[in-house]
C-alpha atoms as a PDB file:
ATOM      1  CA  MET A   1      36.835   3.352 -23.440  1.00  0.00           C
ATOM      2  CA  ARG A   2      39.750   5.815 -23.396  1.00  0.00           C
ATOM      3  CA  TYR A   3      41.507   3.772 -20.671  1.00  0.00           C
ATOM      4  CA  ASN A   4      41.358   0.569 -22.755  1.00  0.00           C
ATOM      5  CA  THR A   5      42.591   2.417 -25.861  1.00  0.00           C
ATOM      6  CA  ILE A   6      45.598   3.825 -24.000  1.00  0.00           C
ATOM      7  CA  CYS A   7      46.450   0.420 -22.535  1.00  0.00           C
ATOM      8  CA  THR A   8      46.056  -1.289 -25.897  1.00  0.00           C
ATOM      9  CA  VAL A   9      48.391   1.196 -27.601  1.00  0.00           C
ATOM     10  CA  ALA A  10      50.934   0.805 -24.788  1.00  0.00           C
ATOM     11  CA  LEU A  11      50.758  -2.993 -25.077  1.00  0.00           C
ATOM     12  CA  ILE A  12      51.284  -2.886 -28.848  1.00  0.00           C
ATOM     13  CA  LEU A  13      54.295  -0.598 -28.444  1.00  0.00           C
ATOM     14  CA  LEU A  14      55.877  -2.781 -25.754  1.00  0.00           C
ATOM     15  CA  VAL A  15      55.305  -6.021 -27.653  1.00  0.00           C
ATOM     16  CA  SER A  16      56.665  -4.525 -30.876  1.00  0.00           C
ATOM     17  CA  MET A  17      59.788  -3.471 -28.946  1.00  0.00           C
ATOM     18  CA  GLY A  18      60.216  -7.047 -27.675  1.00  0.00           C
ATOM     19  CA  SER A  19      59.565  -6.319 -24.022  1.00  0.00           C
ATOM     20  CA  ALA A  20      57.821  -9.357 -22.519  1.00  0.00           C
ATOM     21  CA  TRP A  21      58.162  -7.932 -19.018  1.00  0.00           C
ATOM     22  CA  GLY A  22      56.648  -4.599 -20.054  1.00  0.00           C
ATOM     23  CA  ALA A  23      53.850  -6.330 -21.940  1.00  0.00           C
ATOM     24  CA  GLY A  24      52.991  -8.337 -18.819  1.00  0.00           C
ATOM     25  CA  ALA A  25      52.875  -5.140 -16.789  1.00  0.00           C
ATOM     26  CA  VAL A  26      50.458  -3.567 -19.258  1.00  0.00           C
ATOM     27  CA  LEU A  27      48.310  -6.698 -19.269  1.00  0.00           C
ATOM     28  CA  GLY A  28      48.050  -6.278 -15.508  1.00  0.00           C
ATOM     29  CA  LEU A  29      46.810  -2.716 -16.079  1.00  0.00           C
ATOM     30  CA  LEU A  30      44.080  -4.003 -18.361  1.00  0.00           C
ATOM     31  CA  ALA A  31      42.618  -6.045 -15.515  1.00  0.00           C
ATOM     32  CA  LYS A  32      39.399  -4.633 -14.195  1.00  0.00           C
ATOM     33  CA  PRO A  33      39.565  -3.824 -10.486  1.00  0.00           C
ATOM     34  CA  LYS A  34      37.702  -6.053  -8.044  1.00  0.00           C
ATOM     35  CA  VAL A  35      35.143  -3.372  -7.221  1.00  0.00           C
ATOM     36  CA  MET A  36      31.431  -4.019  -7.323  1.00  0.00           C
ATOM     37  CA  ASP A  37      28.985  -1.396  -8.586  1.00  0.00           C
ATOM     38  CA  THR A  38      26.364  -0.926  -5.865  1.00  0.00           C
ATOM     39  CA  ASN A  39      23.699  -0.176  -8.507  1.00  0.00           C
ATOM     40  CA  ALA A  40      24.397  -3.318 -10.527  1.00  0.00           C
ATOM     41  CA  THR A  41      22.412  -6.508 -10.492  1.00  0.00           C
ATOM     42  CA  PRO A  42      24.322  -9.557  -9.177  1.00  0.00           C
ATOM     43  CA  ASP A  43      25.165 -10.735 -12.717  1.00  0.00           C
ATOM     44  CA  ASP A  44      26.268  -7.249 -13.845  1.00  0.00           C
ATOM     45  CA  ALA A  45      28.607  -6.948 -10.868  1.00  0.00           C
ATOM     46  CA  LEU A  46      30.765  -9.893 -11.886  1.00  0.00           C
ATOM     47  CA  PRO A  47      34.097  -8.607 -13.254  1.00  0.00           C
ATOM     48  CA  ALA A  48      35.132 -10.061 -16.615  1.00  0.00           C
ATOM     49  CA  PHE A  49      38.789 -10.594 -15.681  1.00  0.00           C
ATOM     50  CA  LEU A  50      40.112 -11.371 -12.215  1.00  0.00           C
ATOM     51  CA  PRO A  51      43.843 -11.330 -11.495  1.00  0.00           C
ATOM     52  CA  TYR A  52      44.420 -13.050  -8.145  1.00  0.00           C
ATOM     53  CA  THR A  53      47.615 -12.698  -6.078  1.00  0.00           C
ATOM     54  CA  GLU A  54      48.997 -13.901  -2.739  1.00  0.00           C
ATOM     55  CA  ARG A  55      46.729 -11.472  -0.906  1.00  0.00           C
ATOM     56  CA  ASP A  56      43.681 -13.373  -2.225  1.00  0.00           C
ATOM     57  CA  ASP A  57      44.777 -16.656  -0.624  1.00  0.00           C
ATOM     58  CA  GLY A  58      41.824 -18.391   1.018  1.00  0.00           C
ATOM     59  CA  SER A  59      39.221 -16.166  -0.632  1.00  0.00           C
ATOM     60  CA  SER A  60      36.007 -17.065  -2.437  1.00  0.00           C
ATOM     61  CA  SER A  61      34.714 -15.321  -5.552  1.00  0.00           C
ATOM     62  CA  VAL A  62      31.839 -15.441  -7.986  1.00  0.00           C
ATOM     63  CA  ILE A  63      32.985 -15.697 -11.618  1.00  0.00           C
ATOM     64  CA  ARG A  64      31.452 -16.361 -15.033  1.00  0.00           C
ATOM     65  CA  ALA A  65      31.815 -19.609 -16.944  1.00  0.00           C
ATOM     66  CA  GLY A  66      33.896 -19.161 -20.075  1.00  0.00           C
ATOM     67  CA  GLU A  67      35.762 -16.047 -18.900  1.00  0.00           C
ATOM     68  CA  PRO A  68      39.477 -16.243 -18.022  1.00  0.00           C
ATOM     69  CA  VAL A  69      40.794 -16.202 -14.478  1.00  0.00           C
ATOM     70  CA  THR A  70      44.473 -15.408 -13.905  1.00  0.00           C
ATOM     71  CA  ILE A  71      46.491 -16.149 -10.796  1.00  0.00           C
ATOM     72  CA  ARG A  72      49.804 -14.319 -10.350  1.00  0.00           C
ATOM     73  CA  LEU A  73      52.154 -15.699  -7.682  1.00  0.00           C
ATOM     74  CA  TYR A  74      55.733 -14.755  -6.826  1.00  0.00           C
ATOM     75  CA  GLU A  75      58.286 -17.545  -7.207  1.00  0.00           C
ATOM     76  CA  ASN A  76      62.041 -18.017  -7.397  1.00  0.00           C
ATOM     77  CA  PRO A  77      62.838 -20.765  -9.906  1.00  0.00           C
ATOM     78  CA  ALA A  78      66.582 -20.013  -9.671  1.00  0.00           C
ATOM     79  CA  ALA A  79      66.448 -21.456  -6.142  1.00  0.00           C
ATOM     80  CA  GLY A  80      64.414 -24.401  -7.429  1.00  0.00           C
ATOM     81  CA  TYR A  81      61.068 -23.265  -6.042  1.00  0.00           C
ATOM     82  CA  ARG A  82      57.990 -23.267  -8.213  1.00  0.00           C
ATOM     83  CA  TRP A  83      54.234 -23.130  -7.749  1.00  0.00           C
ATOM     84  CA  THR A  84      52.494 -26.386  -8.598  1.00  0.00           C
ATOM     85  CA  VAL A  85      48.918 -25.365  -9.405  1.00  0.00           C
ATOM     86  CA  THR A  86      46.015 -27.817  -9.352  1.00  0.00           C
ATOM     87  CA  PRO A  87      42.630 -26.564 -10.570  1.00  0.00           C
ATOM     88  CA  SER A  88      39.514 -28.618  -9.855  1.00  0.00           C
ATOM     89  CA  SER A  89      37.772 -30.349 -12.736  1.00  0.00           C
ATOM     90  CA  GLY A  90      35.914 -27.936 -14.970  1.00  0.00           C
ATOM     91  CA  PHE A  91      38.846 -25.521 -15.302  1.00  0.00           C
ATOM     92  CA  ARG A  92      40.929 -25.567 -18.477  1.00  0.00           C
ATOM     93  CA  VAL A  93      44.449 -24.091 -18.180  1.00  0.00           C
ATOM     94  CA  ILE A  94      45.129 -21.883 -21.201  1.00  0.00           C
ATOM     95  CA  GLY A  95      48.367 -20.205 -20.109  1.00  0.00           C
ATOM     96  CA  ASP A  96      51.258 -20.724 -17.714  1.00  0.00           C
ATOM     97  CA  TYR A  97      54.259 -18.420 -17.984  1.00  0.00           C
ATOM     98  CA  PHE A  98      56.904 -16.707 -15.879  1.00  0.00           C
ATOM     99  CA  ILE A  99      57.900 -13.018 -15.927  1.00  0.00           C
ATOM    100  CA  SER A 100      61.236 -12.263 -14.307  1.00  0.00           C
ATOM    101  CA  ALA A 101      61.601  -9.412 -11.825  1.00  0.00           C
ATOM    102  CA  ASP A 102      64.881  -8.725 -13.645  1.00  0.00           C
ATOM    103  CA  PRO A 103      64.158  -8.897 -17.386  1.00  0.00           C
ATOM    104  CA  ALA A 104      67.690  -7.712 -18.216  1.00  0.00           C
ATOM    105  CA  GLY A 105      69.132 -10.789 -16.482  1.00  0.00           C
ATOM    106  CA  SER A 106      71.664  -8.814 -14.465  1.00  0.00           C
ATOM    107  CA  VAL A 107      70.715 -10.452 -11.143  1.00  0.00           C
ATOM    108  CA  THR A 108      71.619 -14.134 -10.897  1.00  0.00           C
ATOM    109  CA  ASP A 109      68.983 -15.182  -8.380  1.00  0.00           C
ATOM    110  CA  ALA A 110      66.094 -12.912  -9.415  1.00  0.00           C
ATOM    111  CA  GLY A 111      62.626 -14.199  -8.798  1.00  0.00           C
ATOM    112  CA  GLY A 112      59.520 -13.176 -10.654  1.00  0.00           C
ATOM    113  CA  TRP A 113      55.856 -13.949 -11.119  1.00  0.00           C
ATOM    114  CA  ARG A 114      54.199 -17.121 -12.329  1.00  0.00           C
ATOM    115  CA  HIS A 115      50.992 -16.350 -14.262  1.00  0.00           C
ATOM    116  CA  ILE A 116      48.467 -19.157 -14.629  1.00  0.00           C
ATOM    117  CA  THR A 117      45.374 -18.425 -16.710  1.00  0.00           C
ATOM    118  CA  MET A 118      42.450 -20.796 -16.835  1.00  0.00           C
ATOM    119  CA  ILE A 119      38.856 -20.827 -17.994  1.00  0.00           C
ATOM    120  CA  PRO A 120      35.993 -22.243 -15.926  1.00  0.00           C
ATOM    121  CA  GLU A 121      34.007 -24.199 -18.479  1.00  0.00           C
ATOM    122  CA  LEU A 122      30.688 -24.882 -16.700  1.00  0.00           C
ATOM    123  CA  PRO A 123      28.563 -23.252 -13.990  1.00  0.00           C
ATOM    124  CA  GLY A 124      28.845 -24.726 -10.499  1.00  0.00           C
ATOM    125  CA  THR A 125      31.597 -24.590  -7.922  1.00  0.00           C
ATOM    126  CA  GLY A 126      35.324 -24.979  -8.304  1.00  0.00           C
ATOM    127  CA  SER A 127      38.638 -24.405  -6.629  1.00  0.00           C
ATOM    128  CA  VAL A 128      42.300 -23.874  -7.367  1.00  0.00           C
ATOM    129  CA  THR A 129      45.068 -24.967  -5.016  1.00  0.00           C
ATOM    130  CA  ALA A 130      48.808 -24.481  -5.301  1.00  0.00           C
ATOM    131  CA  VAL A 131      51.913 -25.566  -3.395  1.00  0.00           C
ATOM    132  CA  TYR A 132      55.223 -23.685  -3.474  1.00  0.00           C
ATOM    133  CA  LYS A 133      58.066 -26.193  -3.338  1.00  0.00           C
ATOM    134  CA  ARG A 134      60.934 -27.745  -5.221  1.00  0.00           C
ATOM    135  CA  PRO A 135      59.532 -30.316  -7.657  1.00  0.00           C
ATOM    136  CA  TRP A 136      62.107 -32.980  -6.767  1.00  0.00           C
ATOM    137  CA  GLU A 137      61.396 -32.824  -3.021  1.00  0.00           C
ATOM    138  CA  PRO A 138      58.675 -35.038  -1.550  1.00  0.00           C
ATOM    139  CA  ASP A 139      55.354 -33.395  -0.779  1.00  0.00           C
ATOM    140  CA  THR A 140      55.304 -33.451   3.014  1.00  0.00           C
ATOM    141  CA  GLY A 141      52.395 -31.047   3.351  1.00  0.00           C
ATOM    142  CA  SER A 142      54.632 -28.473   5.007  1.00  0.00           C
ATOM    143  CA  GLY A 143      55.168 -26.354   1.872  1.00  0.00           C
ATOM    144  CA  ARG A 144      53.597 -22.932   1.459  1.00  0.00           C
ATOM    145  CA  GLY A 145      50.082 -23.325   0.099  1.00  0.00           C
ATOM    146  CA  TYR A 146      47.548 -21.238  -1.767  1.00  0.00           C
ATOM    147  CA  ALA A 147      43.825 -21.816  -2.289  1.00  0.00           C
ATOM    148  CA  LEU A 148      40.892 -20.121  -3.973  1.00  0.00           C
ATOM    149  CA  SER A 149      37.274 -21.222  -4.243  1.00  0.00           C
ATOM    150  CA  PHE A 150      34.742 -20.118  -6.815  1.00  0.00           C
ATOM    151  CA  THR A 151      31.051 -20.066  -7.535  1.00  0.00           C
ATOM    152  CA  ILE A 152      30.779 -20.186 -11.316  1.00  0.00           C
ATOM    153  CA  ARG A 153      27.726 -18.666 -12.986  1.00  0.00           C
END
């Protein structure tokens, strides 16, 4: 409880100061780690919030219907590259935003992180795929890819 209170206060302070980058960093701190309690039942062990990154590419997870799932991927829109994310049916995208690695704007070609948040609406199976490419270039299948699969309870 103390951890969440500290993070909440920090988030309020950063947002009130107008720091979108700092607020995103604190939101990342609020994410529960992907650690399972060995004494928990299978349903208790499901984390409520799962931030996925490049290191989770190709993984499978068990998640709960109705609880948000966030994917955070590095991209460099200044060079024209962007992640095109395609969730399977049953996922509703509720957020898609970019946080620059250089919030002050002092670096011309600074990349950053694309955050895509979605909610699995029904139990079953689902997946999310993404391709990192320039939107105006044809999809040749040679672009960098990303994939996750889910069992939704």
